[in-house]
Each structure stands twice: as structure tokens, then as C-alpha cells.
N, C-alpha and C. Protein backbone atom coordinates (compact mmCIF):
# COMPACT_ATOMS: atom_id res chain seq x y z
N UNK A 1 -5.10 -118.10 21.83
CA UNK A 1 -4.79 -119.36 21.18
C UNK A 1 -3.44 -119.86 21.70
N UNK A 2 -3.40 -121.10 22.10
CA UNK A 2 -2.16 -121.69 22.61
C UNK A 2 -1.51 -122.54 21.52
N UNK A 3 -0.20 -122.54 21.51
CA UNK A 3 0.56 -123.32 20.52
C UNK A 3 0.21 -124.80 20.64
N UNK A 4 0.08 -125.48 19.52
CA UNK A 4 -0.32 -126.89 19.51
C UNK A 4 0.73 -127.80 20.16
N UNK A 5 1.96 -127.30 20.33
CA UNK A 5 3.02 -128.09 20.94
C UNK A 5 3.07 -127.96 22.46
N UNK A 6 2.17 -127.17 23.02
CA UNK A 6 2.13 -126.98 24.47
C UNK A 6 0.97 -127.79 25.04
N UNK A 7 1.27 -128.50 26.11
CA UNK A 7 0.26 -129.31 26.78
C UNK A 7 0.06 -128.77 28.19
N UNK A 8 -1.15 -128.38 28.53
CA UNK A 8 -1.47 -127.89 29.87
C UNK A 8 -1.95 -129.06 30.69
N UNK A 9 -1.25 -129.31 31.80
CA UNK A 9 -1.60 -130.44 32.66
C UNK A 9 -2.47 -130.04 33.84
N UNK A 10 -2.34 -128.79 34.30
CA UNK A 10 -3.06 -128.37 35.50
C UNK A 10 -3.20 -126.85 35.50
N UNK A 11 -4.30 -126.37 36.02
CA UNK A 11 -4.53 -124.94 36.15
C UNK A 11 -4.95 -124.67 37.59
N UNK A 12 -4.34 -123.63 38.19
CA UNK A 12 -4.70 -123.25 39.55
C UNK A 12 -4.92 -121.74 39.60
N UNK A 13 -5.86 -121.33 40.41
CA UNK A 13 -6.09 -119.90 40.62
C UNK A 13 -5.12 -119.42 41.70
N UNK A 14 -4.42 -118.32 41.39
CA UNK A 14 -3.45 -117.75 42.31
C UNK A 14 -3.74 -116.28 42.54
N UNK A 15 -3.09 -115.71 43.55
CA UNK A 15 -3.31 -114.29 43.81
C UNK A 15 -2.59 -113.45 42.77
N UNK A 16 -2.92 -112.18 42.71
CA UNK A 16 -2.36 -111.28 41.70
C UNK A 16 -0.88 -110.99 41.87
N UNK A 17 -0.31 -111.35 43.01
CA UNK A 17 1.11 -111.09 43.23
C UNK A 17 2.00 -112.18 42.64
N UNK A 18 1.41 -113.30 42.23
CA UNK A 18 2.18 -114.40 41.67
C UNK A 18 2.85 -113.98 40.36
N UNK A 19 4.13 -114.35 40.23
CA UNK A 19 4.87 -114.09 38.99
C UNK A 19 5.52 -115.40 38.55
N UNK A 20 5.18 -115.88 37.38
CA UNK A 20 5.64 -117.18 36.89
C UNK A 20 7.16 -117.29 36.85
N UNK A 21 7.83 -116.22 36.54
CA UNK A 21 9.30 -116.26 36.45
C UNK A 21 9.97 -116.06 37.80
N UNK A 22 9.55 -115.05 38.54
CA UNK A 22 10.26 -114.68 39.76
C UNK A 22 9.87 -115.49 40.99
N UNK A 23 8.75 -116.20 40.96
CA UNK A 23 8.36 -117.05 42.09
C UNK A 23 8.86 -118.49 41.94
N UNK A 24 9.53 -118.75 40.86
CA UNK A 24 10.08 -120.09 40.62
C UNK A 24 11.27 -120.33 41.55
N UNK A 25 11.32 -121.50 42.19
CA UNK A 25 12.46 -121.81 43.06
C UNK A 25 13.37 -122.90 42.47
N UNK A 26 12.82 -123.73 41.58
CA UNK A 26 13.61 -124.79 40.94
C UNK A 26 13.01 -125.09 39.57
N UNK A 27 13.89 -125.57 38.68
CA UNK A 27 13.45 -126.07 37.37
C UNK A 27 14.10 -127.41 37.11
N UNK A 28 13.40 -128.22 36.35
CA UNK A 28 13.92 -129.53 35.97
C UNK A 28 13.90 -129.63 34.44
N UNK A 29 15.07 -129.88 33.88
CA UNK A 29 15.21 -130.05 32.44
C UNK A 29 15.70 -131.46 32.14
N UNK A 30 15.32 -131.96 30.97
CA UNK A 30 15.82 -133.23 30.46
C UNK A 30 16.54 -132.97 29.14
N UNK A 31 17.58 -133.75 28.90
CA UNK A 31 18.21 -133.74 27.58
C UNK A 31 18.33 -135.19 27.14
N UNK A 32 17.73 -135.51 25.98
CA UNK A 32 17.69 -136.88 25.49
C UNK A 32 18.67 -137.05 24.34
N UNK A 33 19.44 -138.15 24.41
CA UNK A 33 20.48 -138.43 23.43
C UNK A 33 20.31 -139.85 22.89
N UNK A 34 20.27 -139.96 21.57
CA UNK A 34 20.21 -141.27 20.93
C UNK A 34 21.63 -141.78 20.71
N UNK A 35 21.94 -142.96 21.24
CA UNK A 35 23.27 -143.54 21.04
C UNK A 35 23.24 -144.69 20.04
N UNK A 36 22.07 -144.96 19.49
CA UNK A 36 21.90 -146.00 18.48
C UNK A 36 22.16 -145.37 17.10
N UNK A 37 21.81 -146.09 16.05
CA UNK A 37 21.99 -145.54 14.71
C UNK A 37 21.06 -144.35 14.50
N UNK A 38 21.42 -143.50 13.54
CA UNK A 38 20.66 -142.29 13.24
C UNK A 38 19.19 -142.63 13.02
N UNK A 39 18.31 -141.84 13.64
CA UNK A 39 16.88 -142.06 13.53
C UNK A 39 16.23 -140.79 12.96
N UNK A 40 15.92 -140.80 11.66
CA UNK A 40 15.36 -139.58 11.04
C UNK A 40 13.99 -139.20 11.57
N UNK A 41 13.25 -140.15 12.11
CA UNK A 41 11.92 -139.86 12.64
C UNK A 41 12.03 -139.08 13.95
N UNK A 42 13.04 -139.40 14.76
CA UNK A 42 13.20 -138.75 16.06
C UNK A 42 14.20 -137.59 16.04
N UNK A 43 14.76 -137.27 14.89
CA UNK A 43 15.84 -136.29 14.82
C UNK A 43 15.48 -134.90 15.37
N UNK A 44 14.20 -134.54 15.31
CA UNK A 44 13.79 -133.24 15.83
C UNK A 44 13.50 -133.26 17.33
N UNK A 45 13.50 -134.46 17.93
CA UNK A 45 13.08 -134.60 19.32
C UNK A 45 14.15 -135.18 20.24
N UNK A 46 15.11 -135.88 19.65
CA UNK A 46 16.18 -136.51 20.42
C UNK A 46 17.50 -136.23 19.70
N UNK A 47 18.49 -135.75 20.44
CA UNK A 47 19.79 -135.45 19.86
C UNK A 47 20.41 -136.74 19.30
N UNK A 48 20.81 -136.69 18.04
CA UNK A 48 21.34 -137.86 17.36
C UNK A 48 22.87 -137.90 17.50
N UNK A 49 23.34 -138.43 18.59
CA UNK A 49 24.77 -138.55 18.86
C UNK A 49 25.32 -139.79 18.16
N UNK A 50 24.58 -140.87 18.20
CA UNK A 50 24.86 -142.10 17.46
C UNK A 50 26.22 -142.72 17.78
N UNK A 51 26.66 -142.57 19.01
CA UNK A 51 27.89 -143.18 19.51
C UNK A 51 27.62 -143.67 20.91
N UNK A 52 28.42 -144.62 21.35
CA UNK A 52 28.27 -145.12 22.71
C UNK A 52 28.70 -144.05 23.71
N UNK A 53 28.11 -144.09 24.88
CA UNK A 53 28.45 -143.14 25.94
C UNK A 53 28.88 -143.92 27.18
N UNK A 54 29.99 -143.48 27.75
CA UNK A 54 30.49 -144.05 29.00
C UNK A 54 29.73 -143.35 30.14
N UNK A 55 28.64 -143.97 30.56
CA UNK A 55 27.77 -143.35 31.57
C UNK A 55 28.51 -143.13 32.88
N UNK A 56 29.33 -144.08 33.27
CA UNK A 56 30.08 -143.94 34.53
C UNK A 56 30.97 -142.69 34.49
N UNK A 57 31.66 -142.49 33.37
CA UNK A 57 32.54 -141.32 33.22
C UNK A 57 31.73 -140.03 33.28
N UNK A 58 30.60 -139.99 32.59
CA UNK A 58 29.77 -138.79 32.60
C UNK A 58 29.17 -138.50 33.97
N UNK A 59 28.80 -139.54 34.70
CA UNK A 59 28.29 -139.35 36.06
C UNK A 59 29.38 -138.75 36.95
N UNK A 60 30.61 -139.26 36.83
CA UNK A 60 31.72 -138.72 37.62
C UNK A 60 31.98 -137.25 37.26
N UNK A 61 31.99 -136.95 35.97
CA UNK A 61 32.25 -135.58 35.53
C UNK A 61 31.14 -134.64 35.97
N UNK A 62 29.90 -135.10 35.88
CA UNK A 62 28.77 -134.23 36.22
C UNK A 62 28.73 -133.87 37.70
N UNK A 63 29.33 -134.69 38.55
CA UNK A 63 29.38 -134.38 39.99
C UNK A 63 30.08 -133.05 40.25
N UNK A 64 31.01 -132.67 39.36
CA UNK A 64 31.75 -131.41 39.52
C UNK A 64 30.85 -130.19 39.32
N UNK A 65 29.68 -130.39 38.70
CA UNK A 65 28.76 -129.30 38.42
C UNK A 65 27.72 -129.11 39.52
N UNK A 66 27.62 -130.08 40.42
CA UNK A 66 26.65 -130.00 41.51
C UNK A 66 27.08 -128.91 42.49
N UNK A 67 26.12 -128.13 42.92
CA UNK A 67 26.42 -127.08 43.89
C UNK A 67 26.26 -125.70 43.27
N UNK A 68 26.68 -124.71 44.05
CA UNK A 68 26.56 -123.31 43.65
C UNK A 68 27.86 -122.88 42.99
N UNK A 69 27.75 -122.44 41.72
CA UNK A 69 28.92 -122.04 40.94
C UNK A 69 28.56 -120.84 40.07
N UNK A 70 29.60 -120.16 39.61
CA UNK A 70 29.44 -119.18 38.55
C UNK A 70 29.56 -119.96 37.24
N UNK A 71 28.46 -120.07 36.51
CA UNK A 71 28.42 -120.87 35.28
C UNK A 71 28.68 -120.03 34.04
N UNK A 72 29.41 -118.92 34.18
CA UNK A 72 29.71 -118.06 33.03
C UNK A 72 30.37 -118.83 31.89
N UNK A 73 31.22 -119.80 32.21
CA UNK A 73 31.91 -120.58 31.18
C UNK A 73 30.99 -121.48 30.39
N UNK A 74 29.76 -121.64 30.84
CA UNK A 74 28.78 -122.46 30.14
C UNK A 74 27.62 -121.61 29.59
N UNK A 75 27.73 -120.28 29.70
CA UNK A 75 26.65 -119.39 29.28
C UNK A 75 26.92 -118.81 27.90
N UNK A 76 25.87 -118.39 27.23
CA UNK A 76 26.01 -117.74 25.92
C UNK A 76 26.71 -116.40 26.10
N UNK A 77 26.23 -115.61 27.02
CA UNK A 77 26.78 -114.29 27.25
C UNK A 77 27.11 -114.17 28.73
N UNK A 78 28.39 -114.01 29.04
CA UNK A 78 28.77 -114.00 30.45
C UNK A 78 29.23 -112.63 30.93
N UNK A 79 28.91 -111.59 30.20
CA UNK A 79 29.35 -110.25 30.59
C UNK A 79 28.25 -109.52 31.36
N UNK A 80 28.66 -108.88 32.44
CA UNK A 80 27.78 -108.01 33.23
C UNK A 80 26.50 -108.69 33.71
N UNK A 81 26.60 -109.94 34.07
CA UNK A 81 25.42 -110.65 34.56
C UNK A 81 25.79 -111.45 35.81
N UNK A 82 24.78 -111.73 36.60
CA UNK A 82 24.95 -112.63 37.73
C UNK A 82 24.74 -114.04 37.20
N UNK A 83 25.82 -114.76 37.00
CA UNK A 83 25.75 -116.10 36.43
C UNK A 83 25.92 -117.19 37.47
N UNK A 84 25.67 -116.85 38.72
CA UNK A 84 25.76 -117.84 39.78
C UNK A 84 24.42 -118.58 39.85
N UNK A 85 24.52 -119.88 39.74
CA UNK A 85 23.35 -120.75 39.80
C UNK A 85 23.70 -121.94 40.68
N UNK A 86 22.68 -122.64 41.13
CA UNK A 86 22.90 -123.83 41.94
C UNK A 86 22.24 -125.01 41.25
N UNK A 87 23.04 -126.04 40.99
CA UNK A 87 22.50 -127.29 40.47
C UNK A 87 22.39 -128.25 41.65
N UNK A 88 21.18 -128.72 41.90
CA UNK A 88 20.92 -129.63 43.00
C UNK A 88 21.20 -131.08 42.63
N UNK A 89 20.90 -131.40 41.36
CA UNK A 89 20.98 -132.81 40.98
C UNK A 89 21.18 -132.93 39.48
N UNK A 90 22.03 -133.88 39.09
CA UNK A 90 22.16 -134.30 37.69
C UNK A 90 22.06 -135.82 37.70
N UNK A 91 21.11 -136.32 36.95
CA UNK A 91 20.88 -137.77 36.90
C UNK A 91 21.05 -138.22 35.45
N UNK A 92 21.77 -139.32 35.27
CA UNK A 92 22.01 -139.86 33.92
C UNK A 92 21.47 -141.28 33.88
N UNK A 93 20.51 -141.51 32.99
CA UNK A 93 19.89 -142.83 32.85
C UNK A 93 19.96 -143.29 31.41
N UNK A 94 19.97 -144.62 31.26
CA UNK A 94 19.91 -145.21 29.93
C UNK A 94 18.71 -146.15 29.87
N UNK A 95 17.88 -145.96 28.85
CA UNK A 95 16.77 -146.87 28.60
C UNK A 95 16.79 -147.18 27.11
N UNK A 96 16.91 -148.46 26.82
CA UNK A 96 17.13 -148.90 25.44
C UNK A 96 18.38 -148.17 24.93
N UNK A 97 18.27 -147.41 23.89
CA UNK A 97 19.44 -146.70 23.36
C UNK A 97 19.30 -145.19 23.50
N UNK A 98 18.55 -144.77 24.50
CA UNK A 98 18.37 -143.35 24.77
C UNK A 98 18.97 -143.03 26.14
N UNK A 99 19.87 -142.07 26.15
CA UNK A 99 20.45 -141.54 27.39
C UNK A 99 19.64 -140.30 27.74
N UNK A 100 19.15 -140.23 28.97
CA UNK A 100 18.44 -139.05 29.45
C UNK A 100 19.25 -138.45 30.59
N UNK A 101 19.60 -137.19 30.41
CA UNK A 101 20.33 -136.46 31.45
C UNK A 101 19.36 -135.44 32.03
N UNK A 102 19.12 -135.57 33.34
CA UNK A 102 18.17 -134.70 34.05
C UNK A 102 18.94 -133.70 34.90
N UNK A 103 18.57 -132.45 34.79
CA UNK A 103 19.17 -131.37 35.57
C UNK A 103 18.09 -130.74 36.43
N UNK A 104 18.37 -130.59 37.72
CA UNK A 104 17.48 -129.85 38.61
C UNK A 104 18.32 -128.76 39.26
N UNK A 105 17.87 -127.51 39.09
CA UNK A 105 18.61 -126.39 39.63
C UNK A 105 17.70 -125.22 39.94
N UNK A 106 18.29 -124.20 40.55
CA UNK A 106 17.48 -123.03 40.91
C UNK A 106 17.30 -122.08 39.73
N UNK A 107 17.95 -122.38 38.63
CA UNK A 107 17.82 -121.59 37.41
C UNK A 107 18.93 -121.97 36.46
N UNK A 108 18.72 -121.67 35.19
CA UNK A 108 19.71 -122.02 34.18
C UNK A 108 19.91 -120.84 33.25
N UNK A 109 21.14 -120.64 32.83
CA UNK A 109 21.48 -119.56 31.91
C UNK A 109 21.17 -119.98 30.48
N UNK A 110 21.15 -119.00 29.60
CA UNK A 110 20.89 -119.29 28.19
C UNK A 110 21.97 -120.21 27.64
N UNK A 111 21.56 -121.31 27.07
CA UNK A 111 22.41 -122.35 26.47
C UNK A 111 23.25 -123.12 27.49
N UNK A 112 23.06 -122.87 28.78
CA UNK A 112 23.89 -123.51 29.80
C UNK A 112 23.82 -125.04 29.72
N UNK A 113 22.65 -125.60 29.66
CA UNK A 113 22.53 -127.06 29.61
C UNK A 113 23.12 -127.59 28.31
N UNK A 114 22.84 -126.93 27.21
CA UNK A 114 23.37 -127.39 25.93
C UNK A 114 24.89 -127.32 25.89
N UNK A 115 25.48 -126.34 26.55
CA UNK A 115 26.95 -126.24 26.61
C UNK A 115 27.53 -127.28 27.56
N UNK A 116 26.83 -127.56 28.64
CA UNK A 116 27.27 -128.62 29.55
C UNK A 116 27.23 -129.96 28.83
N UNK A 117 26.15 -130.23 28.10
CA UNK A 117 26.06 -131.49 27.35
C UNK A 117 27.20 -131.59 26.35
N UNK A 118 27.48 -130.52 25.63
CA UNK A 118 28.60 -130.52 24.68
C UNK A 118 29.92 -130.84 25.35
N UNK A 119 30.12 -130.30 26.55
CA UNK A 119 31.34 -130.57 27.30
C UNK A 119 31.38 -132.02 27.77
N UNK A 120 30.26 -132.53 28.27
CA UNK A 120 30.22 -133.94 28.70
C UNK A 120 30.48 -134.88 27.53
N UNK A 121 29.97 -134.56 26.36
CA UNK A 121 30.21 -135.40 25.19
C UNK A 121 31.68 -135.33 24.75
N UNK A 122 32.31 -134.15 24.91
CA UNK A 122 33.75 -134.05 24.65
C UNK A 122 34.54 -134.91 25.63
N UNK A 123 34.11 -134.95 26.87
CA UNK A 123 34.76 -135.81 27.87
C UNK A 123 34.57 -137.26 27.47
N UNK A 124 33.39 -137.60 27.00
CA UNK A 124 33.11 -138.97 26.54
C UNK A 124 34.05 -139.37 25.41
N UNK A 125 34.39 -138.43 24.54
CA UNK A 125 35.26 -138.70 23.39
C UNK A 125 36.74 -138.46 23.68
N UNK A 126 37.07 -138.22 24.95
CA UNK A 126 38.46 -137.95 25.37
C UNK A 126 39.06 -136.70 24.74
N UNK A 127 38.21 -135.76 24.33
CA UNK A 127 38.68 -134.46 23.84
C UNK A 127 38.93 -133.53 25.02
N UNK A 128 38.25 -133.81 26.11
CA UNK A 128 38.40 -133.07 27.36
C UNK A 128 38.43 -134.09 28.49
N UNK A 129 38.83 -133.61 29.67
CA UNK A 129 38.86 -134.48 30.85
C UNK A 129 37.86 -133.94 31.89
N UNK A 130 37.60 -134.75 32.90
CA UNK A 130 36.72 -134.31 33.99
C UNK A 130 37.26 -133.04 34.63
N UNK A 131 38.57 -132.94 34.71
CA UNK A 131 39.21 -131.79 35.34
C UNK A 131 38.98 -130.50 34.56
N UNK A 132 38.68 -130.61 33.26
CA UNK A 132 38.39 -129.42 32.46
C UNK A 132 37.15 -128.70 32.98
N UNK A 133 36.25 -129.42 33.60
CA UNK A 133 35.06 -128.77 34.17
C UNK A 133 35.49 -127.80 35.27
N UNK A 134 36.44 -128.22 36.10
CA UNK A 134 36.96 -127.32 37.14
C UNK A 134 37.57 -126.07 36.52
N UNK A 135 38.30 -126.26 35.43
CA UNK A 135 38.96 -125.14 34.74
C UNK A 135 37.92 -124.18 34.15
N UNK A 136 36.89 -124.71 33.55
CA UNK A 136 35.84 -123.88 32.96
C UNK A 136 35.13 -123.07 34.04
N UNK A 137 34.82 -123.72 35.16
CA UNK A 137 34.16 -123.02 36.26
C UNK A 137 35.07 -121.94 36.85
N UNK A 138 36.35 -122.25 36.96
CA UNK A 138 37.31 -121.31 37.56
C UNK A 138 37.58 -120.11 36.65
N UNK A 139 37.84 -120.37 35.37
CA UNK A 139 38.21 -119.29 34.45
C UNK A 139 37.00 -118.55 33.89
N UNK A 140 35.83 -119.18 33.94
CA UNK A 140 34.60 -118.60 33.37
C UNK A 140 34.75 -118.35 31.88
N UNK A 141 35.59 -119.15 31.23
CA UNK A 141 35.92 -118.96 29.82
C UNK A 141 35.09 -119.91 28.96
N UNK A 142 34.13 -119.35 28.24
CA UNK A 142 33.23 -120.14 27.40
C UNK A 142 34.00 -120.93 26.32
N UNK A 143 35.12 -120.40 25.85
CA UNK A 143 35.87 -121.07 24.78
C UNK A 143 36.51 -122.37 25.25
N UNK A 144 36.60 -122.58 26.54
CA UNK A 144 37.18 -123.81 27.07
C UNK A 144 36.15 -124.94 27.18
N UNK A 145 34.87 -124.60 27.08
CA UNK A 145 33.80 -125.60 27.18
C UNK A 145 33.54 -126.23 25.82
N UNK A 146 32.68 -127.22 25.80
CA UNK A 146 32.33 -127.91 24.57
C UNK A 146 31.39 -127.10 23.69
N UNK A 147 31.01 -127.69 22.58
CA UNK A 147 30.11 -127.01 21.65
C UNK A 147 28.73 -126.86 22.29
N UNK A 148 27.95 -125.97 21.71
CA UNK A 148 26.55 -125.85 22.08
C UNK A 148 25.80 -126.89 21.24
N UNK A 149 25.36 -127.96 21.88
CA UNK A 149 24.66 -129.00 21.12
C UNK A 149 23.31 -128.47 20.66
N UNK A 150 22.73 -129.15 19.71
CA UNK A 150 21.43 -128.74 19.17
C UNK A 150 20.35 -128.77 20.25
N UNK A 151 19.30 -127.97 20.08
CA UNK A 151 18.22 -127.98 21.07
C UNK A 151 17.36 -129.25 21.00
N UNK A 152 17.51 -130.01 19.93
CA UNK A 152 16.74 -131.25 19.79
C UNK A 152 17.08 -132.14 20.98
N UNK A 153 16.12 -132.46 21.77
CA UNK A 153 16.36 -133.31 22.93
C UNK A 153 16.24 -132.58 24.25
N UNK A 154 16.15 -131.25 24.22
CA UNK A 154 16.06 -130.47 25.46
C UNK A 154 14.60 -130.20 25.80
N UNK A 155 14.23 -130.55 27.03
CA UNK A 155 12.85 -130.39 27.47
C UNK A 155 12.81 -129.80 28.87
N UNK A 156 11.93 -128.82 29.05
CA UNK A 156 11.60 -128.35 30.40
C UNK A 156 10.54 -129.29 30.94
N UNK A 157 10.87 -130.01 31.99
CA UNK A 157 9.94 -131.00 32.53
C UNK A 157 9.08 -130.45 33.67
N UNK A 158 9.71 -129.73 34.60
CA UNK A 158 8.99 -129.23 35.76
C UNK A 158 9.48 -127.86 36.16
N UNK A 159 8.56 -127.06 36.68
CA UNK A 159 8.88 -125.79 37.31
C UNK A 159 8.29 -125.87 38.71
N UNK A 160 9.12 -125.59 39.71
CA UNK A 160 8.70 -125.68 41.09
C UNK A 160 8.55 -124.27 41.66
N UNK A 161 7.45 -124.05 42.37
CA UNK A 161 7.16 -122.73 42.93
C UNK A 161 7.13 -122.78 44.44
N UNK A 162 7.23 -121.59 45.04
CA UNK A 162 7.19 -121.43 46.49
C UNK A 162 5.91 -122.00 47.06
């Protein structure tokens, strides 16, 4: 029995050596943010930020995350693990009053995207600066990053295989 919240779009027959986790080469995640007034109907599906976002500032800040880095400062647990990941692309779009931030990378750590979003929102509110991203990456100190935003709004969109 499959969970009612899961939608299967395609099925392919593969050889027995295929491994869904280890044969993955890229993943694409979306994080959706409501910048309009609080919406109780969408509260479980879209993060209710309910403030304006300086998209230009967030795009500039997110460029610092592109590339291969040790993302320990954005991970839940950064001890005794290989926390080096590569982010290929971060795209920020606005449609109506919903901001969608798309991440494409070779893998993501636990809470990594949610911690990055929290940091970007702190930058938006002038609680942090773009340069703080460099500091977080350099020091690998999770306490220097933003809050872990709620999972509401986080979606796995695509998994790319060899």
C-alpha cells in the first residue's frame, strides 16, 4: 500500500544492481514561501513568512552557496560526517505572492535546505549579511546560521539518475 500523499508519475524496469539512493547523481528541491497575508488553507503546504522579500538580495546571497562546499554549518549534525556537497543551481522566482526557491545539487544534508532558507530570510531582515554565508561555510558553525524553518513548503521535485 502506498501513502495517499505520494504520486507515481512513471515506472521503469531496471536491473537488480540499481540502488535508488546510491545511483542518484542530482536532486532538485523546491521551497515555497508565502509573502502575502497569512493563509490558513495553505499553511501546511507553503511556509507562511507573510513579509516582503528582497529577491535581488537573496539571489546575490545565494550565489555564495553555488559550488562544492562543506555545508556542516547548515547541517543538523556536522560531527564525523562527510558534509561536502555541490550545489549546481539556486533559482529564486516570484509568482503572485509566492516565492519559490529551487535547489539543484548532488545531495543535501539533513535540514540543510531549511537552514539555508532560515539564513536567507535573516539576510532579508538585515539580521545577517551576505558575507555571513562565507563565515558559516568557513567555520562550519551551525549556530552562526539562521533558524531551521518549518518543513511546510519543502518539496522534492526531481531525482536524477546515471
